[in-house]
Amino acid sequence: MKIATYNVNGVNGRLPRILDWLAQTNPFIVCLQELKTEDTKFPALAFERAGHGGVWHGQRSQRGATLPKDPAAIASGMIPTPQTQNLARATTCRDKIGFHR
């Protein structure tokens, strides 16, 4: 299973570059950091068309997304910690072998 991570520093401004990167690397799961967009402005349809659904939590400053090719294979949640301002995320993914965190 190929898992990739990408610090996008603004998902909407770099969307064409991110989609090209996804097409070239073809990861099963991609984790994006620093979305810098609110949930309502996240380009979910563009990622779905590229073969990735998933979960995301955005705000104007940062946050991130986990986008597997099989959205049913993922569960995600925030880890409430005052030290991280609730920015920590736990993601569990399922593949043919089992669950991975």
Protein backbone atom coordinates (compact mmCIF):
# COMPACT_ATOMS: atom_id res chain seq x y z
CA MET A 1 0.00 0.00 0.00
CA LYS A 2 1.44 3.36 -1.04
CA ILE A 3 0.75 6.18 1.43
CA ALA A 4 1.88 9.68 0.50
CA THR A 5 1.89 12.97 2.37
CA TYR A 6 2.03 16.48 0.94
CA ASN A 7 2.27 19.88 2.65
CA VAL A 8 0.19 21.80 0.12
CA ASN A 9 0.29 25.26 1.79
CA GLY A 10 -3.14 26.17 0.39
CA VAL A 11 -5.14 23.49 -1.42
CA ASN A 12 -7.21 25.69 -3.73
CA GLY A 13 -4.30 27.75 -5.05
CA ARG A 14 -2.26 24.65 -5.82
CA LEU A 15 -5.04 22.31 -6.93
CA PRO A 16 -3.77 21.70 -10.51
CA ARG A 17 -0.28 20.89 -9.19
CA ILE A 18 -1.69 18.58 -6.50
CA LEU A 19 -3.88 16.71 -9.02
CA ASP A 20 -0.90 16.27 -11.38
CA TRP A 21 1.16 14.96 -8.46
CA LEU A 22 -1.63 12.51 -7.54
CA ALA A 23 -1.78 11.23 -11.13
CA GLN A 24 2.00 10.72 -11.22
CA THR A 25 2.43 9.11 -7.78
CA ASN A 26 -0.87 7.18 -7.65
CA PRO A 27 -0.95 6.62 -3.86
CA PHE A 28 -3.68 4.52 -2.26
CA ILE A 29 -3.90 7.09 0.55
CA VAL A 30 -2.79 10.72 0.42
CA CYS A 31 -2.57 12.94 3.50
CA LEU A 32 -2.59 16.69 2.87
CA GLN A 33 -1.39 19.25 5.40
CA GLU A 34 -2.00 22.99 5.62
CA LEU A 35 -5.16 23.06 3.52
CA LYS A 36 -5.73 26.70 4.48
CA THR A 37 -9.38 26.57 3.46
CA GLU A 38 -12.65 26.08 5.25
CA ASP A 39 -14.57 22.82 4.87
CA THR A 40 -17.18 24.45 2.64
CA LYS A 41 -14.48 25.58 0.18
CA PHE A 42 -12.52 22.30 0.07
CA PRO A 43 -12.43 21.01 -3.57
CA ALA A 44 -13.90 17.60 -2.72
CA LEU A 45 -15.36 17.05 -6.19
CA ALA A 46 -11.97 17.57 -7.87
CA PHE A 47 -10.41 14.92 -5.61
CA GLU A 48 -13.32 12.53 -6.14
CA ARG A 49 -12.89 12.88 -9.91
CA ALA A 50 -9.21 12.06 -9.42
CA GLY A 51 -10.18 8.86 -7.62
CA HIS A 52 -9.81 9.98 -4.00
CA GLY A 53 -12.59 10.54 -1.49
CA GLY A 54 -12.09 10.90 2.20
CA VAL A 55 -12.23 13.11 5.23
CA TRP A 56 -10.96 16.61 5.82
CA HIS A 57 -11.09 19.27 8.44
CA GLY A 58 -10.25 22.74 7.29
CA GLN A 59 -10.06 26.24 8.60
CA ARG A 60 -8.57 29.41 7.22
CA SER A 61 -5.20 28.81 8.85
CA GLN A 62 -4.26 25.13 8.54
CA ARG A 63 -5.70 21.63 9.13
CA GLY A 64 -5.51 18.63 6.85
CA ALA A 65 -7.12 15.83 4.86
CA THR A 66 -6.83 12.08 4.43
CA LEU A 67 -7.96 10.96 0.97
CA PRO A 68 -7.92 7.22 0.23
CA LYS A 69 -8.99 5.66 -3.04
CA ASP A 70 -11.61 3.76 -1.04
CA PRO A 71 -13.35 6.27 1.28
CA ALA A 72 -15.22 3.46 3.05
CA ALA A 73 -11.84 2.18 4.26
CA ILE A 74 -11.15 5.14 6.52
CA ALA A 75 -12.19 6.44 9.89
CA SER A 76 -10.77 9.66 11.25
CA GLY A 77 -11.12 11.88 14.24
CA MET A 78 -9.55 14.76 16.08
CA ILE A 79 -7.46 14.12 19.19
CA PRO A 80 -8.56 16.71 21.77
CA THR A 81 -5.40 18.02 23.37
CA PRO A 82 -4.93 21.57 24.67
CA GLN A 83 -1.23 21.43 23.80
CA THR A 84 -1.96 21.05 20.08
CA GLN A 85 -5.10 23.21 19.95
CA ASN A 86 -6.92 20.05 18.81
CA LEU A 87 -4.83 19.93 15.62
CA ALA A 88 -3.81 16.29 16.08
CA ARG A 89 -5.64 13.77 13.93
CA ALA A 90 -5.94 10.00 14.19
CA THR A 91 -6.74 8.06 11.06
CA THR A 92 -7.42 4.34 10.76
CA CYS A 93 -7.32 2.76 7.30
CA ARG A 94 -8.44 -0.70 6.21
CA ASP A 95 -6.91 -2.66 3.35
CA LYS A 96 -7.04 -6.32 2.31
CA ILE A 97 -4.82 -7.30 5.26
CA GLY A 98 -6.60 -5.39 8.01
CA PHE A 99 -6.66 -2.07 9.85
CA HIS A 100 -3.70 0.31 10.16
CA ARG A 101 -3.40 3.43 12.27
